[in-house]
């Protein structure tokens, strides 16, 4: 029950959602 963010500047977000049902974040926030 952990909240997971995935960040990958190389990956197509639409493809990630289609293949694995996850939405990578587009930006990162400190702290």
ModelCIF file with pLDDT and N, C-alpha, C, O atoms, coordinates in Angstrom:
data_MODEL
#
_entry.id   MODEL 
#
_entity.id                         1 
_entity.type                       polymer 
_entity.pdbx_number_of_molecules   1 
#
_entity_poly.entity_id                      1 
_entity_poly.type                           'polypeptide(L)' 
_entity_poly.nstd_linkage                   no 
_entity_poly.nstd_monomer                   no 
_entity_poly.pdbx_seq_one_letter_code       
;(UNK)(UNK)(UNK)(UNK)(UNK)(UNK)(UNK)(UNK)(UNK)(UNK)(UNK)(UNK)(UNK)(UNK)(UNK)(UNK)
(UNK)(UNK)(UNK)(UNK)(UNK)(UNK)(UNK)(UNK)(UNK)(UNK)(UNK)(UNK)(UNK)(UNK)(UNK)
;
_entity_poly.pdbx_seq_one_letter_code_can   XXXXXXXXXXXXXXXXXXXXXXXXXXXXXXX 
_entity_poly.pdbx_strand_id                 A 
#
loop_
_entity_poly_seq.entity_id 
_entity_poly_seq.num 
_entity_poly_seq.mon_id 
_entity_poly_seq.hetero 
1 1  UNK n 
1 2  UNK n 
1 3  UNK n 
1 4  UNK n 
1 5  UNK n 
1 6  UNK n 
1 7  UNK n 
1 8  UNK n 
1 9  UNK n 
1 10 UNK n 
1 11 UNK n 
1 12 UNK n 
1 13 UNK n 
1 14 UNK n 
1 15 UNK n 
1 16 UNK n 
1 17 UNK n 
1 18 UNK n 
1 19 UNK n 
1 20 UNK n 
1 21 UNK n 
1 22 UNK n 
1 23 UNK n 
1 24 UNK n 
1 25 UNK n 
1 26 UNK n 
1 27 UNK n 
1 28 UNK n 
1 29 UNK n 
1 30 UNK n 
1 31 UNK n 
#
_struct_asym.id          A 
_struct_asym.entity_id   1 
#
loop_
_ma_qa_metric.id 
_ma_qa_metric.mode 
_ma_qa_metric.name 
_ma_qa_metric.software_group_id 
_ma_qa_metric.type 
1 global pLDDT . pLDDT 
2 local  pLDDT . pLDDT 
#
_ma_qa_metric_global.metric_id      1 
_ma_qa_metric_global.metric_value   95.48 
_ma_qa_metric_global.model_id       1 
_ma_qa_metric_global.ordinal_id     1 
#
loop_
_ma_qa_metric_local.label_asym_id 
_ma_qa_metric_local.label_comp_id 
_ma_qa_metric_local.label_seq_id 
_ma_qa_metric_local.metric_id 
_ma_qa_metric_local.metric_value 
_ma_qa_metric_local.model_id 
_ma_qa_metric_local.ordinal_id 
A UNK 1  2 96.00 1 1  
A UNK 2  2 97.00 1 2  
A UNK 3  2 97.00 1 3  
A UNK 4  2 97.00 1 4  
A UNK 5  2 98.00 1 5  
A UNK 6  2 98.00 1 6  
A UNK 7  2 98.00 1 7  
A UNK 8  2 97.00 1 8  
A UNK 9  2 96.00 1 9  
A UNK 10 2 96.00 1 10 
A UNK 11 2 96.00 1 11 
A UNK 12 2 93.00 1 12 
A UNK 13 2 94.00 1 13 
A UNK 14 2 93.00 1 14 
A UNK 15 2 94.00 1 15 
A UNK 16 2 96.00 1 16 
A UNK 17 2 96.00 1 17 
A UNK 18 2 94.00 1 18 
A UNK 19 2 93.00 1 19 
A UNK 20 2 95.00 1 20 
A UNK 21 2 95.00 1 21 
A UNK 22 2 93.00 1 22 
A UNK 23 2 95.00 1 23 
A UNK 24 2 96.00 1 24 
A UNK 25 2 96.00 1 25 
A UNK 26 2 94.00 1 26 
A UNK 27 2 94.00 1 27 
A UNK 28 2 95.00 1 28 
A UNK 29 2 95.00 1 29 
A UNK 30 2 96.00 1 30 
A UNK 31 2 97.00 1 31 
#
loop_
_atom_site.group_PDB 
_atom_site.id 
_atom_site.type_symbol 
_atom_site.label_atom_id 
_atom_site.label_alt_id 
_atom_site.label_comp_id 
_atom_site.label_asym_id 
_atom_site.label_entity_id 
_atom_site.label_seq_id 
_atom_site.pdbx_PDB_ins_code 
_atom_site.Cartn_x 
_atom_site.Cartn_y 
_atom_site.Cartn_z 
_atom_site.occupancy 
_atom_site.B_iso_or_equiv 
_atom_site.pdbx_formal_charge 
_atom_site.auth_seq_id 
_atom_site.auth_comp_id 
_atom_site.auth_asym_id 
_atom_site.auth_atom_id 
_atom_site.pdbx_PDB_model_num 
ATOM 1   N N  . UNK A 1 1  ? 0.830  -1.215 0.000   1.00 96.00 ? 1  UNK A N  1 
ATOM 2   C CA . UNK A 1 1  ? 0.000  0.000  0.000   1.00 96.00 ? 1  UNK A CA 1 
ATOM 3   C C  . UNK A 1 1  ? 0.860  1.258  0.000   1.00 96.00 ? 1  UNK A C  1 
ATOM 4   O O  . UNK A 1 1  ? 0.602  2.222  0.721   1.00 96.00 ? 1  UNK A O  1 
ATOM 5   N N  . UNK A 1 2  ? 1.892  1.208  -0.840  1.00 97.00 ? 2  UNK A N  1 
ATOM 6   C CA . UNK A 1 2  ? 2.802  2.327  -1.003  1.00 97.00 ? 2  UNK A CA 1 
ATOM 7   C C  . UNK A 1 2  ? 2.388  3.136  -2.236  1.00 97.00 ? 2  UNK A C  1 
ATOM 8   O O  . UNK A 1 2  ? 1.952  2.562  -3.234  1.00 97.00 ? 2  UNK A O  1 
ATOM 9   N N  . UNK A 1 3  ? 2.517  4.439  -2.174  1.00 97.00 ? 3  UNK A N  1 
ATOM 10  C CA . UNK A 1 3  ? 2.252  5.303  -3.325  1.00 97.00 ? 3  UNK A CA 1 
ATOM 11  C C  . UNK A 1 3  ? 3.526  5.410  -4.171  1.00 97.00 ? 3  UNK A C  1 
ATOM 12  O O  . UNK A 1 3  ? 4.555  5.896  -3.704  1.00 97.00 ? 3  UNK A O  1 
ATOM 13  N N  . UNK A 1 4  ? 3.438  4.956  -5.405  1.00 97.00 ? 4  UNK A N  1 
ATOM 14  C CA . UNK A 1 4  ? 4.631  4.866  -6.252  1.00 97.00 ? 4  UNK A CA 1 
ATOM 15  C C  . UNK A 1 4  ? 4.576  5.885  -7.385  1.00 97.00 ? 4  UNK A C  1 
ATOM 16  O O  . UNK A 1 4  ? 3.585  5.958  -8.113  1.00 97.00 ? 4  UNK A O  1 
ATOM 17  N N  . UNK A 1 5  ? 5.638  6.668  -7.533  1.00 98.00 ? 5  UNK A N  1 
ATOM 18  C CA . UNK A 1 5  ? 5.854  7.514  -8.707  1.00 98.00 ? 5  UNK A CA 1 
ATOM 19  C C  . UNK A 1 5  ? 6.995  6.916  -9.522  1.00 98.00 ? 5  UNK A C  1 
ATOM 20  O O  . UNK A 1 5  ? 8.020  6.512  -8.973  1.00 98.00 ? 5  UNK A O  1 
ATOM 21  N N  . UNK A 1 6  ? 6.808  6.864  -10.822 1.00 98.00 ? 6  UNK A N  1 
ATOM 22  C CA . UNK A 1 6  ? 7.862  6.406  -11.724 1.00 98.00 ? 6  UNK A CA 1 
ATOM 23  C C  . UNK A 1 6  ? 8.245  7.569  -12.628 1.00 98.00 ? 6  UNK A C  1 
ATOM 24  O O  . UNK A 1 6  ? 7.386  8.222  -13.220 1.00 98.00 ? 6  UNK A O  1 
ATOM 25  N N  . UNK A 1 7  ? 9.546  7.817  -12.726 1.00 98.00 ? 7  UNK A N  1 
ATOM 26  C CA . UNK A 1 7  ? 10.023 8.896  -13.586 1.00 98.00 ? 7  UNK A CA 1 
ATOM 27  C C  . UNK A 1 7  ? 11.075 8.340  -14.541 1.00 98.00 ? 7  UNK A C  1 
ATOM 28  O O  . UNK A 1 7  ? 12.051 7.723  -14.114 1.00 98.00 ? 7  UNK A O  1 
ATOM 29  N N  . UNK A 1 8  ? 10.866 8.566  -15.846 1.00 97.00 ? 8  UNK A N  1 
ATOM 30  C CA . UNK A 1 8  ? 11.828 8.113  -16.844 1.00 97.00 ? 8  UNK A CA 1 
ATOM 31  C C  . UNK A 1 8  ? 11.772 9.043  -18.046 1.00 97.00 ? 8  UNK A C  1 
ATOM 32  O O  . UNK A 1 8  ? 10.797 9.012  -18.797 1.00 97.00 ? 8  UNK A O  1 
ATOM 33  N N  . UNK A 1 9  ? 12.801 9.875  -18.249 1.00 96.00 ? 9  UNK A N  1 
ATOM 34  C CA . UNK A 1 9  ? 12.786 10.838 -19.357 1.00 96.00 ? 9  UNK A CA 1 
ATOM 35  C C  . UNK A 1 9  ? 12.859 10.193 -20.732 1.00 96.00 ? 9  UNK A C  1 
ATOM 36  O O  . UNK A 1 9  ? 12.626 10.867 -21.736 1.00 96.00 ? 9  UNK A O  1 
ATOM 37  N N  . UNK A 1 10 ? 13.178 8.904  -20.803 1.00 96.00 ? 10 UNK A N  1 
ATOM 38  C CA . UNK A 1 10 ? 13.302 8.227  -22.088 1.00 96.00 ? 10 UNK A CA 1 
ATOM 39  C C  . UNK A 1 10 ? 11.998 7.588  -22.554 1.00 96.00 ? 10 UNK A C  1 
ATOM 40  O O  . UNK A 1 10 ? 11.848 7.295  -23.740 1.00 96.00 ? 10 UNK A O  1 
ATOM 41  N N  . UNK A 1 11 ? 11.082 7.373  -21.669 1.00 96.00 ? 11 UNK A N  1 
ATOM 42  C CA . UNK A 1 11 ? 9.930  6.516  -21.938 1.00 96.00 ? 11 UNK A CA 1 
ATOM 43  C C  . UNK A 1 11 ? 8.713  7.310  -22.415 1.00 96.00 ? 11 UNK A C  1 
ATOM 44  O O  . UNK A 1 11 ? 8.448  8.412  -21.935 1.00 96.00 ? 11 UNK A O  1 
ATOM 45  N N  . UNK A 1 12 ? 7.987  6.737  -23.356 1.00 93.00 ? 12 UNK A N  1 
ATOM 46  C CA . UNK A 1 12 ? 6.718  7.293  -23.816 1.00 93.00 ? 12 UNK A CA 1 
ATOM 47  C C  . UNK A 1 12 ? 5.630  6.968  -22.785 1.00 93.00 ? 12 UNK A C  1 
ATOM 48  O O  . UNK A 1 12 ? 5.331  5.801  -22.535 1.00 93.00 ? 12 UNK A O  1 
ATOM 49  N N  . UNK A 1 13 ? 5.045  8.006  -22.195 1.00 94.00 ? 13 UNK A N  1 
ATOM 50  C CA . UNK A 1 13 ? 4.081  7.816  -21.105 1.00 94.00 ? 13 UNK A CA 1 
ATOM 51  C C  . UNK A 1 13 ? 2.832  7.059  -21.556 1.00 94.00 ? 13 UNK A C  1 
ATOM 52  O O  . UNK A 1 13 ? 2.296  6.241  -20.808 1.00 94.00 ? 13 UNK A O  1 
ATOM 53  N N  . UNK A 1 14 ? 2.375  7.329  -22.762 1.00 93.00 ? 14 UNK A N  1 
ATOM 54  C CA . UNK A 1 14 ? 1.189  6.636  -23.285 1.00 93.00 ? 14 UNK A CA 1 
ATOM 55  C C  . UNK A 1 14 ? 1.466  5.143  -23.436 1.00 93.00 ? 14 UNK A C  1 
ATOM 56  O O  . UNK A 1 14 ? 0.599  4.316  -23.154 1.00 93.00 ? 14 UNK A O  1 
ATOM 57  N N  . UNK A 1 15 ? 2.675  4.799  -23.881 1.00 94.00 ? 15 UNK A N  1 
ATOM 58  C CA . UNK A 1 15 ? 3.056  3.397  -24.032 1.00 94.00 ? 15 UNK A CA 1 
ATOM 59  C C  . UNK A 1 15 ? 3.129  2.708  -22.666 1.00 94.00 ? 15 UNK A C  1 
ATOM 60  O O  . UNK A 1 15 ? 2.698  1.565  -22.517 1.00 94.00 ? 15 UNK A O  1 
ATOM 61  N N  . UNK A 1 16 ? 3.678  3.415  -21.669 1.00 96.00 ? 16 UNK A N  1 
ATOM 62  C CA . UNK A 1 16 ? 3.781  2.860  -20.315 1.00 96.00 ? 16 UNK A CA 1 
ATOM 63  C C  . UNK A 1 16 ? 2.400  2.583  -19.737 1.00 96.00 ? 16 UNK A C  1 
ATOM 64  O O  . UNK A 1 16 ? 2.186  1.566  -19.078 1.00 96.00 ? 16 UNK A O  1 
ATOM 65  N N  . UNK A 1 17 ? 1.469  3.490  -19.988 1.00 96.00 ? 17 UNK A N  1 
ATOM 66  C CA . UNK A 1 17 ? 0.107  3.299  -19.488 1.00 96.00 ? 17 UNK A CA 1 
ATOM 67  C C  . UNK A 1 17 ? -0.569 2.134  -20.208 1.00 96.00 ? 17 UNK A C  1 
ATOM 68  O O  . UNK A 1 17 ? -1.271 1.336  -19.587 1.00 96.00 ? 17 UNK A O  1 
ATOM 69  N N  . UNK A 1 18 ? -0.356 2.041  -21.512 1.00 94.00 ? 18 UNK A N  1 
ATOM 70  C CA . UNK A 1 18 ? -0.964 0.969  -22.298 1.00 94.00 ? 18 UNK A CA 1 
ATOM 71  C C  . UNK A 1 18 ? -0.422 -0.399 -21.910 1.00 94.00 ? 18 UNK A C  1 
ATOM 72  O O  . UNK A 1 18 ? -1.184 -1.357 -21.779 1.00 94.00 ? 18 UNK A O  1 
ATOM 73  N N  . UNK A 1 19 ? 0.897  -0.494 -21.725 1.00 93.00 ? 19 UNK A N  1 
ATOM 74  C CA . UNK A 1 19 ? 1.534  -1.780 -21.466 1.00 93.00 ? 19 UNK A CA 1 
ATOM 75  C C  . UNK A 1 19 ? 1.394  -2.220 -20.013 1.00 93.00 ? 19 UNK A C  1 
ATOM 76  O O  . UNK A 1 19 ? 1.193  -3.404 -19.740 1.00 93.00 ? 19 UNK A O  1 
ATOM 77  N N  . UNK A 1 20 ? 1.500  -1.273 -19.077 1.00 95.00 ? 20 UNK A N  1 
ATOM 78  C CA . UNK A 1 20 ? 1.581  -1.650 -17.662 1.00 95.00 ? 20 UNK A CA 1 
ATOM 79  C C  . UNK A 1 20 ? 0.559  -0.961 -16.758 1.00 95.00 ? 20 UNK A C  1 
ATOM 80  O O  . UNK A 1 20 ? 0.505  -1.228 -15.557 1.00 95.00 ? 20 UNK A O  1 
ATOM 81  N N  . UNK A 1 21 ? -0.248 -0.076 -17.339 1.00 95.00 ? 21 UNK A N  1 
ATOM 82  C CA . UNK A 1 21 ? -1.259 0.603  -16.538 1.00 95.00 ? 21 UNK A CA 1 
ATOM 83  C C  . UNK A 1 21 ? -0.709 1.599  -15.544 1.00 95.00 ? 21 UNK A C  1 
ATOM 84  O O  . UNK A 1 21 ? -1.358 1.901  -14.543 1.00 95.00 ? 21 UNK A O  1 
ATOM 85  N N  . UNK A 1 22 ? 0.479  2.113  -15.806 1.00 93.00 ? 22 UNK A N  1 
ATOM 86  C CA . UNK A 1 22 ? 1.051  3.127  -14.924 1.00 93.00 ? 22 UNK A CA 1 
ATOM 87  C C  . UNK A 1 22 ? 1.291  4.423  -15.696 1.00 93.00 ? 22 UNK A C  1 
ATOM 88  O O  . UNK A 1 22 ? 1.563  4.410  -16.896 1.00 93.00 ? 22 UNK A O  1 
ATOM 89  N N  . UNK A 1 23 ? 1.185  5.534  -14.981 1.00 95.00 ? 23 UNK A N  1 
ATOM 90  C CA . UNK A 1 23 ? 1.401  6.847  -15.573 1.00 95.00 ? 23 UNK A CA 1 
ATOM 91  C C  . UNK A 1 23 ? 2.662  7.468  -14.988 1.00 95.00 ? 23 UNK A C  1 
ATOM 92  O O  . UNK A 1 23 ? 2.625  7.985  -13.872 1.00 95.00 ? 23 UNK A O  1 
ATOM 93  N N  . UNK A 1 24 ? 3.773  7.430  -15.710 1.00 96.00 ? 24 UNK A N  1 
ATOM 94  C CA . UNK A 1 24 ? 4.994  8.059  -15.197 1.00 96.00 ? 24 UNK A CA 1 
ATOM 95  C C  . UNK A 1 24 ? 4.790  9.550  -14.972 1.00 96.00 ? 24 UNK A C  1 
ATOM 96  O O  . UNK A 1 24 ? 4.060  10.202 -15.718 1.00 96.00 ? 24 UNK A O  1 
ATOM 97  N N  . UNK A 1 25 ? 5.436  10.088 -13.942 1.00 96.00 ? 25 UNK A N  1 
ATOM 98  C CA . UNK A 1 25 ? 5.355  11.524 -13.680 1.00 96.00 ? 25 UNK A CA 1 
ATOM 99  C C  . UNK A 1 25 ? 6.289  12.247 -14.642 1.00 96.00 ? 25 UNK A C  1 
ATOM 100 O O  . UNK A 1 25 ? 7.323  11.713 -15.044 1.00 96.00 ? 25 UNK A O  1 
ATOM 101 N N  . UNK A 1 26 ? 5.909  13.471 -15.004 1.00 94.00 ? 26 UNK A N  1 
ATOM 102 C CA . UNK A 1 26 ? 6.705  14.235 -15.970 1.00 94.00 ? 26 UNK A CA 1 
ATOM 103 C C  . UNK A 1 26 ? 7.699  15.182 -15.309 1.00 94.00 ? 26 UNK A C  1 
ATOM 104 O O  . UNK A 1 26 ? 8.680  15.598 -15.924 1.00 94.00 ? 26 UNK A O  1 
ATOM 105 N N  . UNK A 1 27 ? 7.434  15.516 -14.052 1.00 94.00 ? 27 UNK A N  1 
ATOM 106 C CA . UNK A 1 27 ? 8.338  16.406 -13.314 1.00 94.00 ? 27 UNK A CA 1 
ATOM 107 C C  . UNK A 1 27 ? 8.615  15.841 -11.919 1.00 94.00 ? 27 UNK A C  1 
ATOM 108 O O  . UNK A 1 27 ? 7.852  15.029 -11.395 1.00 94.00 ? 27 UNK A O  1 
ATOM 109 N N  . UNK A 1 28 ? 9.712  16.286 -11.340 1.00 95.00 ? 28 UNK A N  1 
ATOM 110 C CA . UNK A 1 28 ? 10.097 15.839 -10.005 1.00 95.00 ? 28 UNK A CA 1 
ATOM 111 C C  . UNK A 1 28 ? 10.083 17.015 -9.041  1.00 95.00 ? 28 UNK A C  1 
ATOM 112 O O  . UNK A 1 28 ? 10.477 18.129 -9.387  1.00 95.00 ? 28 UNK A O  1 
ATOM 113 N N  . UNK A 1 29 ? 9.627  16.748 -7.835  1.00 95.00 ? 29 UNK A N  1 
ATOM 114 C CA . UNK A 1 29 ? 9.539  17.789 -6.806  1.00 95.00 ? 29 UNK A CA 1 
ATOM 115 C C  . UNK A 1 29 ? 10.449 17.430 -5.637  1.00 95.00 ? 29 UNK A C  1 
ATOM 116 O O  . UNK A 1 29 ? 10.430 16.300 -5.150  1.00 95.00 ? 29 UNK A O  1 
ATOM 117 N N  . UNK A 1 30 ? 11.231 18.383 -5.197  1.00 96.00 ? 30 UNK A N  1 
ATOM 118 C CA . UNK A 1 30 ? 12.141 18.156 -4.069  1.00 96.00 ? 30 UNK A CA 1 
ATOM 119 C C  . UNK A 1 30 ? 11.383 17.888 -2.771  1.00 96.00 ? 30 UNK A C  1 
ATOM 120 O O  . UNK A 1 30 ? 10.235 18.304 -2.612  1.00 96.00 ? 30 UNK A O  1 
ATOM 121 N N  . UNK A 1 31 ? 12.037 17.192 -1.854  1.00 97.00 ? 31 UNK A N  1 
ATOM 122 C CA . UNK A 1 31 ? 11.553 16.937 -0.489  1.00 97.00 ? 31 UNK A CA 1 
ATOM 123 C C  . UNK A 1 31 ? 10.191 16.226 -0.469  1.00 97.00 ? 31 UNK A C  1 
ATOM 124 O O  . UNK A 1 31 ? 9.657  15.945 0.604   1.00 97.00 ? 31 UNK A O  1 
#
